[in-house]
Amino acid sequence: MQQIHHVSLAVTDLERAKKFYKDILCLKEMKRPNFDFPGAWFQIGEQQLHLIVYPDANTLRGSTSLSSREGHFAFRVTSYDNTLKWLREKKIEVYENPTSKSGFAQIFVSDPDGNLIELNTEQ
């Protein structure tokens, strides 16, 4: 294997999810093939994030509670403090772990459907 190409997430409301990923996480939406189901794609460096509208998905947690131990994916950010400030300004609930034993400072957030996202930097 060479690298992760994309991560796909189930969402229930495409416009609400797109607003979160574009306006809160500042991801750039990219062109998506004309599938017969709704969704959106975002470019993140050389990787992609694919949102798929699928309200019956078994992967939907049914909760937006924050945890570092449940399944999640991570984005590397340039500044822990600036990211935390941005999220607080946007009134996004966060779970902070600035001194994680992992070796990187972590901020956990949830998208509107409960998909967990870690934002991290080197400690």
C-alpha atoms as a PDB file:
ATOM      1  CA  MET A   1       0.000   0.000   0.000  1.00  0.00           C
ATOM      2  CA  GLN A   2       1.125   3.524  -0.725  1.00  0.00           C
ATOM      3  CA  GLN A   3      -1.151   5.900   1.193  1.00  0.00           C
ATOM      4  CA  ILE A   4      -4.716   6.604   2.202  1.00  0.00           C
ATOM      5  CA  HIS A   5      -6.588   7.899  -0.846  1.00  0.00           C
ATOM      6  CA  HIS A   6      -9.844   8.935   0.834  1.00  0.00           C
ATOM      7  CA  VAL A   7     -12.083   8.512   3.839  1.00  0.00           C
ATOM      8  CA  SER A   8     -15.838   8.167   3.296  1.00  0.00           C
ATOM      9  CA  LEU A   9     -18.350   9.257   5.911  1.00  0.00           C
ATOM     10  CA  ALA A  10     -22.077   8.744   6.066  1.00  0.00           C
ATOM     11  CA  VAL A  11     -24.132  11.870   6.702  1.00  0.00           C
ATOM     12  CA  THR A  12     -27.848  12.487   6.969  1.00  0.00           C
ATOM     13  CA  ASP A  13     -28.153  16.075   5.713  1.00  0.00           C
ATOM     14  CA  LEU A  14     -25.778  17.024   2.892  1.00  0.00           C
ATOM     15  CA  GLU A  15     -26.129  20.807   3.133  1.00  0.00           C
ATOM     16  CA  ARG A  16     -25.620  20.780   6.909  1.00  0.00           C
ATOM     17  CA  ALA A  17     -22.566  18.522   6.557  1.00  0.00           C
ATOM     18  CA  LYS A  18     -21.082  20.612   3.727  1.00  0.00           C
ATOM     19  CA  LYS A  19     -21.520  23.760   5.789  1.00  0.00           C
ATOM     20  CA  PHE A  20     -19.564  22.171   8.664  1.00  0.00           C
ATOM     21  CA  TYR A  21     -16.701  20.880   6.514  1.00  0.00           C
ATOM     22  CA  LYS A  22     -16.466  24.085   4.435  1.00  0.00           C
ATOM     23  CA  ASP A  23     -17.213  26.793   7.003  1.00  0.00           C
ATOM     24  CA  ILE A  24     -15.801  25.236  10.184  1.00  0.00           C
ATOM     25  CA  LEU A  25     -12.978  22.978   8.961  1.00  0.00           C
ATOM     26  CA  CYS A  26     -12.266  25.168   5.900  1.00  0.00           C
ATOM     27  CA  LEU A  27     -12.019  22.260   3.441  1.00  0.00           C
ATOM     28  CA  LYS A  28     -12.172  22.881  -0.299  1.00  0.00           C
ATOM     29  CA  GLU A  29     -14.964  21.092  -2.129  1.00  0.00           C
ATOM     30  CA  MET A  30     -13.986  19.377  -5.359  1.00  0.00           C
ATOM     31  CA  LYS A  31     -15.869  18.093  -8.391  1.00  0.00           C
ATOM     32  CA  ARG A  32     -17.644  14.805  -7.758  1.00  0.00           C
ATOM     33  CA  PRO A  33     -18.858  12.300 -10.363  1.00  0.00           C
ATOM     34  CA  ASN A  34     -22.604  12.312 -11.002  1.00  0.00           C
ATOM     35  CA  PHE A  35     -23.492   9.303  -8.840  1.00  0.00           C
ATOM     36  CA  ASP A  36     -27.132   8.296  -8.386  1.00  0.00           C
ATOM     37  CA  PHE A  37     -26.973   9.263  -4.689  1.00  0.00           C
ATOM     38  CA  PRO A  38     -26.156  12.589  -3.035  1.00  0.00           C
ATOM     39  CA  GLY A  39     -22.767  13.401  -1.597  1.00  0.00           C
ATOM     40  CA  ALA A  40     -19.775  15.728  -1.714  1.00  0.00           C
ATOM     41  CA  TRP A  41     -16.009  15.371  -2.074  1.00  0.00           C
ATOM     42  CA  PHE A  42     -13.304  17.505  -0.462  1.00  0.00           C
ATOM     43  CA  GLN A  43      -9.596  17.710  -1.295  1.00  0.00           C
ATOM     44  CA  ILE A  44      -7.159  17.600   1.640  1.00  0.00           C
ATOM     45  CA  GLY A  45      -3.582  17.688   0.378  1.00  0.00           C
ATOM     46  CA  GLU A  46      -3.232  14.565  -1.758  1.00  0.00           C
ATOM     47  CA  GLN A  47      -6.086  12.813   0.058  1.00  0.00           C
ATOM     48  CA  GLN A  48      -9.835  13.235  -0.131  1.00  0.00           C
ATOM     49  CA  LEU A  49     -12.846  13.175   2.150  1.00  0.00           C
ATOM     50  CA  HIS A  50     -16.066  11.808   0.661  1.00  0.00           C
ATOM     51  CA  LEU A  51     -19.445  12.515   2.250  1.00  0.00           C
ATOM     52  CA  ILE A  52     -22.253  10.137   1.345  1.00  0.00           C
ATOM     53  CA  VAL A  53     -25.869  10.793   2.289  1.00  0.00           C
ATOM     54  CA  TYR A  54     -26.982   7.516   3.832  1.00  0.00           C
ATOM     55  CA  PRO A  55     -29.277   7.992   6.850  1.00  0.00           C
ATOM     56  CA  ASP A  56     -29.533   4.215   7.441  1.00  0.00           C
ATOM     57  CA  ALA A  57     -25.764   3.674   7.681  1.00  0.00           C
ATOM     58  CA  ASN A  58     -24.621   1.427  10.511  1.00  0.00           C
ATOM     59  CA  THR A  59     -21.623   3.720  11.004  1.00  0.00           C
ATOM     60  CA  LEU A  60     -23.710   6.668  12.241  1.00  0.00           C
ATOM     61  CA  ARG A  61     -23.091   6.916  15.976  1.00  0.00           C
ATOM     62  CA  GLY A  62     -26.352   8.629  16.868  1.00  0.00           C
ATOM     63  CA  SER A  63     -24.425  10.956  19.182  1.00  0.00           C
ATOM     64  CA  THR A  64     -22.160  13.979  18.911  1.00  0.00           C
ATOM     65  CA  SER A  65     -20.462  13.239  22.244  1.00  0.00           C
ATOM     66  CA  LEU A  66     -16.696  13.650  22.111  1.00  0.00           C
ATOM     67  CA  SER A  67     -14.218  10.874  22.816  1.00  0.00           C
ATOM     68  CA  SER A  68     -10.641  10.166  21.823  1.00  0.00           C
ATOM     69  CA  ARG A  69     -11.236   6.414  22.012  1.00  0.00           C
ATOM     70  CA  GLU A  70     -13.983   5.942  19.458  1.00  0.00           C
ATOM     71  CA  GLY A  71     -13.320   5.604  15.746  1.00  0.00           C
ATOM     72  CA  HIS A  72     -12.113   8.861  14.236  1.00  0.00           C
ATOM     73  CA  PHE A  73      -9.768  10.285  11.648  1.00  0.00           C
ATOM     74  CA  ALA A  74      -7.212  13.065  12.111  1.00  0.00           C
ATOM     75  CA  PHE A  75      -6.223  16.219  10.291  1.00  0.00           C
ATOM     76  CA  ARG A  76      -2.865  17.833  10.939  1.00  0.00           C
ATOM     77  CA  VAL A  77      -3.254  21.574  11.612  1.00  0.00           C
ATOM     78  CA  THR A  78      -0.599  24.270  11.695  1.00  0.00           C
ATOM     79  CA  SER A  79      -1.470  25.800  15.074  1.00  0.00           C
ATOM     80  CA  TYR A  80      -3.135  24.241  18.090  1.00  0.00           C
ATOM     81  CA  ASP A  81      -3.923  27.612  19.681  1.00  0.00           C
ATOM     82  CA  ASN A  82      -5.293  29.212  16.508  1.00  0.00           C
ATOM     83  CA  THR A  83      -7.400  26.137  15.749  1.00  0.00           C
ATOM     84  CA  LEU A  84      -8.817  26.082  19.266  1.00  0.00           C
ATOM     85  CA  LYS A  85      -9.558  29.817  19.115  1.00  0.00           C
ATOM     86  CA  TRP A  86     -11.293  29.413  15.714  1.00  0.00           C
ATOM     87  CA  LEU A  87     -13.457  26.540  16.947  1.00  0.00           C
ATOM     88  CA  ARG A  88     -14.445  28.429  20.089  1.00  0.00           C
ATOM     89  CA  GLU A  89     -15.349  31.503  18.024  1.00  0.00           C
ATOM     90  CA  LYS A  90     -17.594  29.252  15.914  1.00  0.00           C
ATOM     91  CA  LYS A  91     -19.099  27.789  19.122  1.00  0.00           C
ATOM     92  CA  ILE A  92     -17.973  24.241  18.302  1.00  0.00           C
ATOM     93  CA  GLU A  93     -17.738  21.859  21.255  1.00  0.00           C
ATOM     94  CA  VAL A  94     -14.189  20.539  21.675  1.00  0.00           C
ATOM     95  CA  TYR A  95     -12.356  17.942  23.707  1.00  0.00           C
ATOM     96  CA  GLU A  96      -8.788  19.108  24.316  1.00  0.00           C
ATOM     97  CA  ASN A  97      -5.780  16.889  24.921  1.00  0.00           C
ATOM     98  CA  PRO A  98      -2.748  19.189  24.528  1.00  0.00           C
ATOM     99  CA  THR A  99      -0.340  16.828  26.324  1.00  0.00           C
ATOM    100  CA  SER A 100      -1.349  13.504  24.797  1.00  0.00           C
ATOM    101  CA  LYS A 101       1.042  10.602  25.281  1.00  0.00           C
ATOM    102  CA  SER A 102       0.795  10.165  21.500  1.00  0.00           C
ATOM    103  CA  GLY A 103       3.331  12.961  21.068  1.00  0.00           C
ATOM    104  CA  PHE A 104       0.958  15.400  19.416  1.00  0.00           C
ATOM    105  CA  ALA A 105      -1.494  17.901  20.860  1.00  0.00           C
ATOM    106  CA  GLN A 106      -5.073  16.936  20.048  1.00  0.00           C
ATOM    107  CA  ILE A 107      -8.435  18.640  19.678  1.00  0.00           C
ATOM    108  CA  PHE A 108     -11.475  16.447  19.037  1.00  0.00           C
ATOM    109  CA  VAL A 109     -14.681  17.705  17.407  1.00  0.00           C
ATOM    110  CA  SER A 110     -17.775  16.073  15.991  1.00  0.00           C
ATOM    111  CA  ASP A 111     -19.527  16.857  12.748  1.00  0.00           C
ATOM    112  CA  PRO A 112     -23.329  17.290  12.905  1.00  0.00           C
ATOM    113  CA  ASP A 113     -23.827  13.527  12.359  1.00  0.00           C
ATOM    114  CA  GLY A 114     -21.439  12.438  15.111  1.00  0.00           C
ATOM    115  CA  ASN A 115     -18.411  11.584  12.954  1.00  0.00           C
ATOM    116  CA  LEU A 116     -15.396  12.234  15.192  1.00  0.00           C
ATOM    117  CA  ILE A 117     -12.473  14.283  13.913  1.00  0.00           C
ATOM    118  CA  GLU A 118      -9.109  14.838  15.573  1.00  0.00           C
ATOM    119  CA  LEU A 119      -7.175  18.017  14.810  1.00  0.00           C
ATOM    120  CA  ASN A 120      -3.557  17.717  15.892  1.00  0.00           C
ATOM    121  CA  THR A 121      -0.118  19.347  15.907  1.00  0.00           C
ATOM    122  CA  GLU A 122       3.274  18.364  17.231  1.00  0.00           C
ATOM    123  CA  GLN A 123       3.616  19.037  20.967  1.00  0.00           C
END
